[in-house]
Amino acid sequence: MARYTATIKAVHADGTECTHKRTSTGKATTPDCTGLDGYTARCRGNGCTWTSSNTQKTALETLRNQHLRTHLNPPAPNRSA
């Protein structure tokens, strides 16, 4: 079975990853940061090209988990005698 991972990254308005430290309210602690615009999740593994963006990380976590479940193998049929 292939391994699939979907990571969530903070992004700026121009789509670049935001790696700056932030306060508890989400504001950057460094002046060179243009500000957090939202979050992007990307699935990696065996040709999957799924991506999703949202301003709320918790909403994106739900979408990511739903997507990852689509990669699970279906259960084996019940072989009752």
C-alpha atoms as a PDB file:
ATOM      1  CA  MET A   1       0.000   0.000   0.000  1.00  0.00           C
ATOM      2  CA  ALA A   2       1.340   3.443  -0.914  1.00  0.00           C
ATOM      3  CA  ARG A   3       1.995   5.975   1.806  1.00  0.00           C
ATOM      4  CA  TYR A   4      -0.005   9.196   1.640  1.00  0.00           C
ATOM      5  CA  THR A   5       0.661  12.285   3.737  1.00  0.00           C
ATOM      6  CA  ALA A   6      -1.191  15.570   3.727  1.00  0.00           C
ATOM      7  CA  THR A   7       0.610  18.453   5.376  1.00  0.00           C
ATOM      8  CA  ILE A   8      -0.860  21.798   6.380  1.00  0.00           C
ATOM      9  CA  LYS A   9       1.292  24.900   5.978  1.00  0.00           C
ATOM     10  CA  ALA A  10       0.683  28.542   6.866  1.00  0.00           C
ATOM     11  CA  VAL A  11       0.839  30.803   3.788  1.00  0.00           C
ATOM     12  CA  HIS A  12       1.151  34.485   2.903  1.00  0.00           C
ATOM     13  CA  ALA A  13      -1.273  36.230   0.527  1.00  0.00           C
ATOM     14  CA  ASP A  14       1.097  35.537  -2.407  1.00  0.00           C
ATOM     15  CA  GLY A  15       1.007  31.788  -1.694  1.00  0.00           C
ATOM     16  CA  THR A  16       4.502  31.475  -0.226  1.00  0.00           C
ATOM     17  CA  GLU A  17       4.939  29.482   2.961  1.00  0.00           C
ATOM     18  CA  CYS A  18       4.981  31.532   6.166  1.00  0.00           C
ATOM     19  CA  THR A  19       7.650  30.230   8.543  1.00  0.00           C
ATOM     20  CA  HIS A  20       7.780  33.326  10.731  1.00  0.00           C
ATOM     21  CA  LYS A  21       7.016  33.161  14.438  1.00  0.00           C
ATOM     22  CA  ARG A  22       3.589  34.490  15.342  1.00  0.00           C
ATOM     23  CA  THR A  23       1.876  35.724  18.458  1.00  0.00           C
ATOM     24  CA  SER A  24      -1.150  33.926  19.894  1.00  0.00           C
ATOM     25  CA  THR A  25      -3.360  36.258  17.818  1.00  0.00           C
ATOM     26  CA  GLY A  26      -1.589  35.261  14.580  1.00  0.00           C
ATOM     27  CA  LYS A  27       0.401  38.450  14.015  1.00  0.00           C
ATOM     28  CA  ALA A  28       4.008  38.058  12.905  1.00  0.00           C
ATOM     29  CA  THR A  29       6.728  38.919  15.393  1.00  0.00           C
ATOM     30  CA  THR A  30       9.142  39.964  12.639  1.00  0.00           C
ATOM     31  CA  PRO A  31       8.721  43.068  10.450  1.00  0.00           C
ATOM     32  CA  ASP A  32       9.686  41.254   7.203  1.00  0.00           C
ATOM     33  CA  CYS A  33       6.574  39.029   7.295  1.00  0.00           C
ATOM     34  CA  THR A  34       3.733  40.186   5.073  1.00  0.00           C
ATOM     35  CA  GLY A  35       1.214  38.490   7.353  1.00  0.00           C
ATOM     36  CA  LEU A  36      -0.535  35.180   7.593  1.00  0.00           C
ATOM     37  CA  ASP A  37      -3.271  34.863   4.978  1.00  0.00           C
ATOM     38  CA  GLY A  38      -4.437  31.315   5.605  1.00  0.00           C
ATOM     39  CA  TYR A  39      -3.440  27.670   5.354  1.00  0.00           C
ATOM     40  CA  THR A  40      -2.884  25.236   2.499  1.00  0.00           C
ATOM     41  CA  ALA A  41      -2.938  21.436   2.663  1.00  0.00           C
ATOM     42  CA  ARG A  42      -1.318  19.215   0.033  1.00  0.00           C
ATOM     43  CA  CYS A  43      -1.485  15.451  -0.336  1.00  0.00           C
ATOM     44  CA  ARG A  44       1.656  13.650  -1.398  1.00  0.00           C
ATOM     45  CA  GLY A  45       1.909  10.075  -2.536  1.00  0.00           C
ATOM     46  CA  ASN A  46       1.408   7.931  -5.620  1.00  0.00           C
ATOM     47  CA  GLY A  47       0.373  10.716  -7.984  1.00  0.00           C
ATOM     48  CA  CYS A  48      -2.255  12.378  -5.794  1.00  0.00           C
ATOM     49  CA  THR A  49      -2.595  16.073  -6.611  1.00  0.00           C
ATOM     50  CA  TRP A  50      -5.185  17.084  -3.971  1.00  0.00           C
ATOM     51  CA  THR A  51      -4.763  20.557  -2.474  1.00  0.00           C
ATOM     52  CA  SER A  52      -7.077  22.716  -0.423  1.00  0.00           C
ATOM     53  CA  SER A  53      -6.856  26.154   1.191  1.00  0.00           C
ATOM     54  CA  ASN A  54      -8.772  27.790   4.009  1.00  0.00           C
ATOM     55  CA  THR A  55      -8.411  30.694   6.400  1.00  0.00           C
ATOM     56  CA  GLN A  56      -9.192  28.421   9.360  1.00  0.00           C
ATOM     57  CA  LYS A  57      -6.741  25.674  10.213  1.00  0.00           C
ATOM     58  CA  THR A  58      -9.339  23.531  12.003  1.00  0.00           C
ATOM     59  CA  ALA A  59     -11.626  23.511   8.954  1.00  0.00           C
ATOM     60  CA  LEU A  60      -8.690  22.476   6.788  1.00  0.00           C
ATOM     61  CA  GLU A  61      -7.773  19.678   9.214  1.00  0.00           C
ATOM     62  CA  THR A  62     -11.266  18.228   8.760  1.00  0.00           C
ATOM     63  CA  LEU A  63     -10.982  18.388   4.947  1.00  0.00           C
ATOM     64  CA  ARG A  64      -7.516  16.822   5.082  1.00  0.00           C
ATOM     65  CA  ASN A  65      -8.724  13.935   7.237  1.00  0.00           C
ATOM     66  CA  GLN A  66     -11.696  13.319   4.934  1.00  0.00           C
ATOM     67  CA  HIS A  67      -9.368  13.272   1.934  1.00  0.00           C
ATOM     68  CA  LEU A  68      -6.868  10.896   3.535  1.00  0.00           C
ATOM     69  CA  ARG A  69      -9.685   8.431   4.248  1.00  0.00           C
ATOM     70  CA  THR A  70     -10.352   8.222   0.485  1.00  0.00           C
ATOM     71  CA  HIS A  71      -6.962   6.515   0.119  1.00  0.00           C
ATOM     72  CA  LEU A  72      -7.824   3.673   2.521  1.00  0.00           C
ATOM     73  CA  ASN A  73      -8.399   0.229   1.107  1.00  0.00           C
ATOM     74  CA  PRO A  74     -12.021  -0.945   1.277  1.00  0.00           C
ATOM     75  CA  PRO A  75     -12.650  -3.627   3.899  1.00  0.00           C
ATOM     76  CA  ALA A  76     -12.360  -7.249   2.796  1.00  0.00           C
ATOM     77  CA  PRO A  77     -15.667  -8.974   2.027  1.00  0.00           C
ATOM     78  CA  ASN A  78     -17.178 -10.996   4.859  1.00  0.00           C
ATOM     79  CA  ARG A  79     -16.626 -14.697   4.141  1.00  0.00           C
ATOM     80  CA  SER A  80     -19.184 -16.280   6.401  1.00  0.00           C
ATOM     81  CA  ALA A  81     -19.727 -19.983   5.976  1.00  0.00           C
END
